[in-house]
Amino acid sequence: MTLLAILLQAAAAAGYAKLGAGIGAGVAAIGAGIGIGQIGKGAVESIARQPEAVGDIRSNMIVAAALIEGVAFFAIVVCLLILFL
């Protein structure tokens, strides 16, 4: 296959790449929101059952939420790089 044919195929698929990047960024944001919501729900239920363990539960919740935010941020950055590059 010639180089020109490969470049033309890549240019034709660029629209799909941009569409996929937009959908991927949205799914990453929605997934992070759902995950952090589940963490908050679990933390509130745990604190209701054991009020004396508030400090440990809160610190573990913050660490887990930060990890989820980091993964979601990385996914959104990758999608934006695909979209603009």
C-alpha atoms as a PDB file:
ATOM      1  CA  MET A   1       0.000   0.000   0.000  1.00  0.00           C
ATOM      2  CA  THR A   2       1.344   3.415  -0.830  1.00  0.00           C
ATOM      3  CA  LEU A   3       1.962   6.114   1.708  1.00  0.00           C
ATOM      4  CA  LEU A   4      -0.689   8.331   0.117  1.00  0.00           C
ATOM      5  CA  ALA A   5      -3.358   5.664   0.538  1.00  0.00           C
ATOM      6  CA  ILE A   6      -2.445   5.197   4.188  1.00  0.00           C
ATOM      7  CA  LEU A   7      -2.597   8.956   4.839  1.00  0.00           C
ATOM      8  CA  LEU A   8      -5.972   9.230   3.114  1.00  0.00           C
ATOM      9  CA  GLN A   9      -7.380   6.410   5.232  1.00  0.00           C
ATOM     10  CA  ALA A  10      -6.053   8.084   8.388  1.00  0.00           C
ATOM     11  CA  ALA A  11      -7.611  11.415   7.385  1.00  0.00           C
ATOM     12  CA  ALA A  12     -10.962   9.756   6.756  1.00  0.00           C
ATOM     13  CA  ALA A  13     -10.898   8.095  10.180  1.00  0.00           C
ATOM     14  CA  ALA A  14      -9.957  11.335  11.985  1.00  0.00           C
ATOM     15  CA  GLY A  15     -13.621  12.236  12.434  1.00  0.00           C
ATOM     16  CA  TYR A  16     -14.274   8.950  14.187  1.00  0.00           C
ATOM     17  CA  ALA A  17     -11.225   9.492  16.394  1.00  0.00           C
ATOM     18  CA  LYS A  18     -12.549  12.886  17.490  1.00  0.00           C
ATOM     19  CA  LEU A  19     -15.988  11.417  18.158  1.00  0.00           C
ATOM     20  CA  GLY A  20     -14.427   8.598  20.167  1.00  0.00           C
ATOM     21  CA  ALA A  21     -12.278  11.031  22.130  1.00  0.00           C
ATOM     22  CA  GLY A  22     -15.311  13.100  23.067  1.00  0.00           C
ATOM     23  CA  ILE A  23     -17.291  10.056  24.131  1.00  0.00           C
ATOM     24  CA  GLY A  24     -14.280   8.720  26.045  1.00  0.00           C
ATOM     25  CA  ALA A  25     -13.857  11.951  27.991  1.00  0.00           C
ATOM     26  CA  GLY A  26     -17.541  11.911  28.904  1.00  0.00           C
ATOM     27  CA  VAL A  27     -17.471   8.281  30.020  1.00  0.00           C
ATOM     28  CA  ALA A  28     -14.359   8.938  32.127  1.00  0.00           C
ATOM     29  CA  ALA A  29     -16.039  11.858  33.896  1.00  0.00           C
ATOM     30  CA  ILE A  30     -19.268   9.918  34.481  1.00  0.00           C
ATOM     31  CA  GLY A  31     -17.362   6.879  35.758  1.00  0.00           C
ATOM     32  CA  ALA A  32     -15.356   8.985  38.186  1.00  0.00           C
ATOM     33  CA  GLY A  33     -18.530  10.636  39.477  1.00  0.00           C
ATOM     34  CA  ILE A  34     -20.205   7.285  40.055  1.00  0.00           C
ATOM     35  CA  GLY A  35     -17.100   5.865  41.744  1.00  0.00           C
ATOM     36  CA  ILE A  36     -16.663   8.788  44.102  1.00  0.00           C
ATOM     37  CA  GLY A  37     -20.387   8.691  44.900  1.00  0.00           C
ATOM     38  CA  GLN A  38     -20.088   5.038  45.870  1.00  0.00           C
ATOM     39  CA  ILE A  39     -17.092   5.822  48.075  1.00  0.00           C
ATOM     40  CA  GLY A  40     -19.020   8.597  49.819  1.00  0.00           C
ATOM     41  CA  LYS A  41     -22.036   6.349  50.305  1.00  0.00           C
ATOM     42  CA  GLY A  42     -19.891   3.604  51.819  1.00  0.00           C
ATOM     43  CA  ALA A  43     -18.087   6.053  54.082  1.00  0.00           C
ATOM     44  CA  VAL A  44     -21.302   7.555  55.420  1.00  0.00           C
ATOM     45  CA  GLU A  45     -22.738   4.101  56.098  1.00  0.00           C
ATOM     46  CA  SER A  46     -19.520   3.025  57.840  1.00  0.00           C
ATOM     47  CA  ILE A  47     -19.460   6.155  60.000  1.00  0.00           C
ATOM     48  CA  ALA A  48     -23.105   5.555  60.942  1.00  0.00           C
ATOM     49  CA  ARG A  49     -22.206   2.029  62.110  1.00  0.00           C
ATOM     50  CA  GLN A  50     -18.961   2.966  63.878  1.00  0.00           C
ATOM     51  CA  PRO A  51     -18.852   6.654  64.812  1.00  0.00           C
ATOM     52  CA  GLU A  52     -15.587   6.211  66.738  1.00  0.00           C
ATOM     53  CA  ALA A  53     -13.733   5.318  63.506  1.00  0.00           C
ATOM     54  CA  VAL A  54     -14.495   8.607  61.745  1.00  0.00           C
ATOM     55  CA  GLY A  55     -10.839   9.620  61.290  1.00  0.00           C
ATOM     56  CA  ASP A  56      -9.719   6.351  59.712  1.00  0.00           C
ATOM     57  CA  ILE A  57     -12.746   6.108  57.446  1.00  0.00           C
ATOM     58  CA  ARG A  58     -12.391   9.709  56.297  1.00  0.00           C
ATOM     59  CA  SER A  59      -8.696   9.385  55.491  1.00  0.00           C
ATOM     60  CA  ASN A  60      -9.246   6.147  53.548  1.00  0.00           C
ATOM     61  CA  MET A  61     -12.143   7.751  51.681  1.00  0.00           C
ATOM     62  CA  ILE A  62     -10.014  10.751  50.666  1.00  0.00           C
ATOM     63  CA  VAL A  63      -7.173   8.526  49.435  1.00  0.00           C
ATOM     64  CA  ALA A  64      -9.533   6.353  47.374  1.00  0.00           C
ATOM     65  CA  ALA A  65     -11.313   9.389  45.913  1.00  0.00           C
ATOM     66  CA  ALA A  66      -7.972  10.958  44.980  1.00  0.00           C
ATOM     67  CA  LEU A  67      -6.899   7.786  43.177  1.00  0.00           C
ATOM     68  CA  ILE A  68     -10.142   7.710  41.201  1.00  0.00           C
ATOM     69  CA  GLU A  69      -9.780  11.406  40.345  1.00  0.00           C
ATOM     70  CA  GLY A  70      -6.243  10.786  39.141  1.00  0.00           C
ATOM     71  CA  VAL A  71      -7.300   7.987  36.809  1.00  0.00           C
ATOM     72  CA  ALA A  72     -10.220  10.022  35.479  1.00  0.00           C
ATOM     73  CA  PHE A  73      -8.004  13.042  34.916  1.00  0.00           C
ATOM     74  CA  PHE A  74      -5.487  10.896  33.047  1.00  0.00           C
ATOM     75  CA  ALA A  75      -8.260   9.458  30.844  1.00  0.00           C
ATOM     76  CA  ILE A  76      -9.633  12.911  30.048  1.00  0.00           C
ATOM     77  CA  VAL A  77      -6.156  14.240  29.189  1.00  0.00           C
ATOM     78  CA  VAL A  78      -5.566  11.309  26.834  1.00  0.00           C
ATOM     79  CA  CYS A  79      -8.936  11.945  25.161  1.00  0.00           C
ATOM     80  CA  LEU A  80      -8.175  15.649  24.780  1.00  0.00           C
ATOM     81  CA  LEU A  81      -4.778  14.853  23.280  1.00  0.00           C
ATOM     82  CA  ILE A  82      -6.478  12.618  20.731  1.00  0.00           C
ATOM     83  CA  LEU A  83      -9.018  15.334  20.041  1.00  0.00           C
ATOM     84  CA  PHE A  84      -6.536  18.166  19.441  1.00  0.00           C
ATOM     85  CA  LEU A  85      -3.504  16.355  18.029  1.00  0.00           C
END
